[in-house]
N, C-alpha and C. Protein backbone atom coordinates (compact mmCIF):
# COMPACT_ATOMS: atom_id res chain seq x y z
N GLU A 1 -31.27 -129.19 -210.94
CA GLU A 1 -31.89 -129.33 -209.64
C GLU A 1 -32.99 -130.41 -209.70
N VAL A 2 -33.82 -130.32 -210.73
CA VAL A 2 -34.89 -131.29 -210.89
C VAL A 2 -34.31 -132.69 -211.12
N SER A 3 -33.28 -132.76 -211.95
CA SER A 3 -32.63 -134.05 -212.23
C SER A 3 -32.12 -134.69 -210.94
N ASN A 4 -31.50 -133.88 -210.11
CA ASN A 4 -30.95 -134.41 -208.86
C ASN A 4 -32.05 -134.93 -207.93
N LYS A 5 -33.15 -134.22 -207.85
CA LYS A 5 -34.24 -134.65 -206.98
C LYS A 5 -34.87 -135.96 -207.48
N LEU A 6 -35.08 -136.03 -208.79
CA LEU A 6 -35.65 -137.27 -209.35
C LEU A 6 -34.70 -138.44 -209.17
N ALA A 7 -33.42 -138.21 -209.43
CA ALA A 7 -32.43 -139.27 -209.29
C ALA A 7 -32.38 -139.77 -207.85
N ALA A 8 -32.41 -138.85 -206.91
CA ALA A 8 -32.37 -139.24 -205.50
C ALA A 8 -33.62 -140.03 -205.12
N PHE A 9 -34.77 -139.58 -205.59
CA PHE A 9 -36.02 -140.25 -205.27
C PHE A 9 -36.05 -141.68 -205.81
N PHE A 10 -35.63 -141.84 -207.07
CA PHE A 10 -35.67 -143.16 -207.72
C PHE A 10 -34.37 -143.95 -207.55
N LYS A 11 -33.40 -143.34 -206.88
CA LYS A 11 -32.10 -143.98 -206.65
C LYS A 11 -31.44 -144.40 -207.97
N LEU A 12 -31.42 -143.43 -208.90
CA LEU A 12 -30.80 -143.65 -210.20
C LEU A 12 -29.78 -142.55 -210.47
N ASP A 13 -28.95 -142.77 -211.47
CA ASP A 13 -28.00 -141.76 -211.91
C ASP A 13 -28.76 -140.59 -212.54
N THR A 14 -28.28 -139.39 -212.35
CA THR A 14 -28.96 -138.19 -212.88
C THR A 14 -29.01 -138.18 -214.40
N LYS A 15 -28.15 -138.93 -215.07
CA LYS A 15 -28.16 -138.93 -216.53
C LYS A 15 -29.50 -139.41 -217.11
N TYR A 16 -30.24 -140.18 -216.33
CA TYR A 16 -31.53 -140.67 -216.80
C TYR A 16 -32.60 -139.58 -216.83
N PHE A 17 -32.36 -138.51 -216.10
CA PHE A 17 -33.36 -137.46 -215.98
C PHE A 17 -32.91 -136.13 -216.56
N TYR A 18 -31.67 -136.03 -216.97
CA TYR A 18 -31.14 -134.75 -217.44
C TYR A 18 -31.72 -134.41 -218.82
N ASP A 19 -32.22 -133.22 -218.93
CA ASP A 19 -32.73 -132.71 -220.20
C ASP A 19 -32.26 -131.27 -220.31
N SER A 20 -31.32 -131.01 -221.19
CA SER A 20 -30.72 -129.68 -221.28
C SER A 20 -31.76 -128.60 -221.55
N MET A 21 -32.81 -128.94 -222.25
CA MET A 21 -33.84 -127.96 -222.55
C MET A 21 -34.47 -127.39 -221.27
N TYR A 22 -34.62 -128.23 -220.27
CA TYR A 22 -35.25 -127.80 -219.03
C TYR A 22 -34.24 -127.41 -217.96
N GLU A 23 -33.04 -127.91 -218.06
CA GLU A 23 -32.04 -127.65 -217.03
C GLU A 23 -31.27 -126.35 -217.27
N GLU A 24 -31.09 -125.96 -218.52
CA GLU A 24 -30.37 -124.74 -218.82
C GLU A 24 -31.22 -123.53 -218.46
N ASP A 25 -30.55 -122.54 -217.93
CA ASP A 25 -31.25 -121.31 -217.53
C ASP A 25 -31.15 -120.31 -218.69
N ILE A 26 -32.00 -120.50 -219.70
CA ILE A 26 -31.97 -119.66 -220.88
C ILE A 26 -33.21 -118.77 -220.92
N ASN A 27 -32.98 -117.48 -221.04
CA ASN A 27 -34.09 -116.56 -221.26
C ASN A 27 -34.17 -116.38 -222.76
N ILE A 28 -35.13 -117.03 -223.39
CA ILE A 28 -35.22 -117.06 -224.85
C ILE A 28 -35.40 -115.66 -225.43
N SER A 29 -36.14 -114.83 -224.73
CA SER A 29 -36.39 -113.46 -225.20
C SER A 29 -35.08 -112.67 -225.29
N ILE A 30 -34.31 -112.70 -224.23
CA ILE A 30 -33.03 -111.97 -224.20
C ILE A 30 -32.06 -112.56 -225.21
N THR A 31 -31.98 -113.88 -225.26
CA THR A 31 -31.06 -114.56 -226.18
C THR A 31 -31.38 -114.22 -227.63
N LEU A 32 -32.65 -114.27 -227.99
CA LEU A 32 -33.04 -113.97 -229.37
C LEU A 32 -32.84 -112.49 -229.70
N ASN A 33 -33.19 -111.61 -228.77
CA ASN A 33 -32.98 -110.18 -229.01
C ASN A 33 -31.50 -109.88 -229.22
N THR A 34 -30.65 -110.46 -228.41
CA THR A 34 -29.21 -110.28 -228.55
C THR A 34 -28.73 -110.78 -229.91
N PHE A 35 -29.17 -111.97 -230.28
CA PHE A 35 -28.78 -112.56 -231.57
C PHE A 35 -29.27 -111.70 -232.73
N MET A 36 -30.51 -111.26 -232.65
CA MET A 36 -31.09 -110.45 -233.73
C MET A 36 -30.35 -109.12 -233.87
N ASN A 37 -30.04 -108.48 -232.75
CA ASN A 37 -29.32 -107.20 -232.79
C ASN A 37 -27.90 -107.38 -233.33
N ALA A 38 -27.22 -108.43 -232.90
CA ALA A 38 -25.85 -108.68 -233.33
C ALA A 38 -25.76 -109.01 -234.82
N ASN A 39 -26.83 -109.57 -235.36
CA ASN A 39 -26.83 -109.98 -236.76
C ASN A 39 -27.76 -109.15 -237.63
N ASN A 40 -28.26 -108.06 -237.06
CA ASN A 40 -29.13 -107.14 -237.78
C ASN A 40 -30.30 -107.87 -238.46
N LEU A 41 -30.99 -108.70 -237.68
CA LEU A 41 -32.10 -109.49 -238.19
C LEU A 41 -33.43 -108.94 -237.70
N SER A 42 -34.42 -109.02 -238.53
CA SER A 42 -35.78 -108.68 -238.15
C SER A 42 -36.48 -109.95 -237.66
N ILE A 43 -37.66 -109.78 -237.10
CA ILE A 43 -38.46 -110.93 -236.70
C ILE A 43 -38.73 -111.81 -237.91
N LYS A 44 -39.05 -111.17 -239.02
CA LYS A 44 -39.35 -111.91 -240.25
C LYS A 44 -38.15 -112.74 -240.70
N SER A 45 -36.96 -112.15 -240.70
CA SER A 45 -35.78 -112.88 -241.17
C SER A 45 -35.38 -113.99 -240.20
N LEU A 46 -35.55 -113.76 -238.90
CA LEU A 46 -35.26 -114.82 -237.93
C LEU A 46 -36.24 -115.97 -238.09
N ALA A 47 -37.51 -115.65 -238.28
CA ALA A 47 -38.53 -116.68 -238.48
C ALA A 47 -38.20 -117.52 -239.71
N LYS A 48 -37.76 -116.87 -240.75
CA LYS A 48 -37.41 -117.59 -241.98
C LYS A 48 -36.20 -118.49 -241.74
N LEU A 49 -35.21 -117.99 -241.00
CA LEU A 49 -34.01 -118.76 -240.70
C LEU A 49 -34.34 -120.03 -239.92
N ILE A 50 -35.26 -119.90 -238.97
CA ILE A 50 -35.63 -121.04 -238.12
C ILE A 50 -36.73 -121.89 -238.76
N ASN A 51 -37.40 -121.33 -239.75
CA ASN A 51 -38.50 -122.01 -240.45
C ASN A 51 -39.73 -122.15 -239.55
N ILE A 52 -40.08 -121.02 -238.92
CA ILE A 52 -41.29 -120.94 -238.10
C ILE A 52 -42.02 -119.65 -238.44
N SER A 53 -43.18 -119.45 -237.86
CA SER A 53 -43.95 -118.25 -238.14
C SER A 53 -43.40 -117.03 -237.40
N GLN A 54 -43.66 -115.86 -237.96
CA GLN A 54 -43.27 -114.61 -237.31
C GLN A 54 -44.00 -114.46 -235.98
N GLU A 55 -45.24 -114.93 -235.95
CA GLU A 55 -46.03 -114.85 -234.72
C GLU A 55 -45.36 -115.62 -233.59
N THR A 56 -44.80 -116.79 -233.91
CA THR A 56 -44.12 -117.59 -232.90
C THR A 56 -42.91 -116.86 -232.35
N VAL A 57 -42.10 -116.28 -233.25
CA VAL A 57 -40.93 -115.52 -232.81
C VAL A 57 -41.38 -114.36 -231.93
N SER A 58 -42.40 -113.66 -232.36
CA SER A 58 -42.92 -112.54 -231.59
C SER A 58 -43.39 -112.99 -230.20
N ASN A 59 -44.04 -114.14 -230.14
CA ASN A 59 -44.49 -114.68 -228.85
C ASN A 59 -43.33 -115.05 -227.95
N TRP A 60 -42.25 -115.58 -228.53
CA TRP A 60 -41.06 -115.88 -227.74
C TRP A 60 -40.45 -114.60 -227.20
N LEU A 61 -40.36 -113.59 -228.06
CA LEU A 61 -39.73 -112.33 -227.66
C LEU A 61 -40.51 -111.64 -226.54
N SER A 62 -41.80 -111.85 -226.50
CA SER A 62 -42.63 -111.23 -225.46
C SER A 62 -42.95 -112.21 -224.33
N ASN A 63 -42.31 -113.38 -224.35
CA ASN A 63 -42.51 -114.42 -223.33
C ASN A 63 -43.96 -114.87 -223.20
N LYS A 64 -44.66 -114.90 -224.33
CA LYS A 64 -46.06 -115.34 -224.33
C LYS A 64 -46.19 -116.83 -224.64
N GLN A 65 -45.12 -117.42 -225.15
CA GLN A 65 -45.17 -118.83 -225.57
C GLN A 65 -43.83 -119.47 -225.29
N PRO A 66 -43.82 -120.65 -224.68
CA PRO A 66 -42.54 -121.35 -224.49
C PRO A 66 -42.04 -121.93 -225.80
N ILE A 67 -40.78 -122.16 -225.86
CA ILE A 67 -40.18 -122.71 -227.07
C ILE A 67 -40.43 -124.22 -227.13
N SER A 68 -40.69 -124.72 -228.31
CA SER A 68 -40.89 -126.16 -228.49
C SER A 68 -39.53 -126.86 -228.55
N ARG A 69 -39.55 -128.15 -228.31
CA ARG A 69 -38.30 -128.92 -228.37
C ARG A 69 -37.69 -128.85 -229.77
N LYS A 70 -38.53 -128.95 -230.80
CA LYS A 70 -38.03 -128.90 -232.17
C LYS A 70 -37.33 -127.57 -232.44
N SER A 71 -37.93 -126.48 -232.02
CA SER A 71 -37.33 -125.16 -232.23
C SER A 71 -36.09 -124.97 -231.37
N TYR A 72 -36.14 -125.47 -230.14
CA TYR A 72 -34.98 -125.42 -229.26
C TYR A 72 -33.79 -126.12 -229.92
N ASN A 73 -34.03 -127.31 -230.43
CA ASN A 73 -32.96 -128.06 -231.09
C ASN A 73 -32.46 -127.34 -232.34
N LYS A 74 -33.34 -126.72 -233.09
CA LYS A 74 -32.95 -125.97 -234.28
C LYS A 74 -32.07 -124.78 -233.89
N LEU A 75 -32.44 -124.06 -232.83
CA LEU A 75 -31.64 -122.93 -232.37
C LEU A 75 -30.27 -123.40 -231.89
N LYS A 76 -30.21 -124.56 -231.24
CA LYS A 76 -28.92 -125.13 -230.82
C LYS A 76 -28.09 -125.48 -232.04
N GLU A 77 -28.72 -126.12 -233.01
CA GLU A 77 -28.04 -126.53 -234.24
C GLU A 77 -27.44 -125.32 -234.98
N LEU A 78 -28.18 -124.22 -234.99
CA LEU A 78 -27.72 -123.01 -235.67
C LEU A 78 -26.71 -122.22 -234.85
N GLY A 79 -26.48 -122.62 -233.62
CA GLY A 79 -25.54 -121.91 -232.76
C GLY A 79 -26.11 -120.67 -232.10
N ILE A 80 -27.43 -120.49 -232.19
CA ILE A 80 -28.08 -119.35 -231.56
C ILE A 80 -28.14 -119.56 -230.06
N LEU A 81 -28.38 -120.78 -229.65
CA LEU A 81 -28.31 -121.16 -228.24
C LEU A 81 -27.02 -121.96 -228.06
N SER A 82 -26.31 -121.65 -227.00
CA SER A 82 -25.05 -122.37 -226.79
C SER A 82 -25.21 -123.54 -225.87
């Protein structure tokens, strides 16, 4: 939606404004909880897998902190986010 508005305003193709990180409707908390339950992972083990702190994972799970681009890309790379 944002891409389309920007493209229309600047009279450009939407590809110049598309960013999957912001355009995808991903609830990181639900996605991570589902992944953790399906793979029997703790916060500690997920943090180790992603190479981030347990506090960050906990903040994502409680929606206290948005995900960084680096972590978003890592989760995509690992297949946690589709």
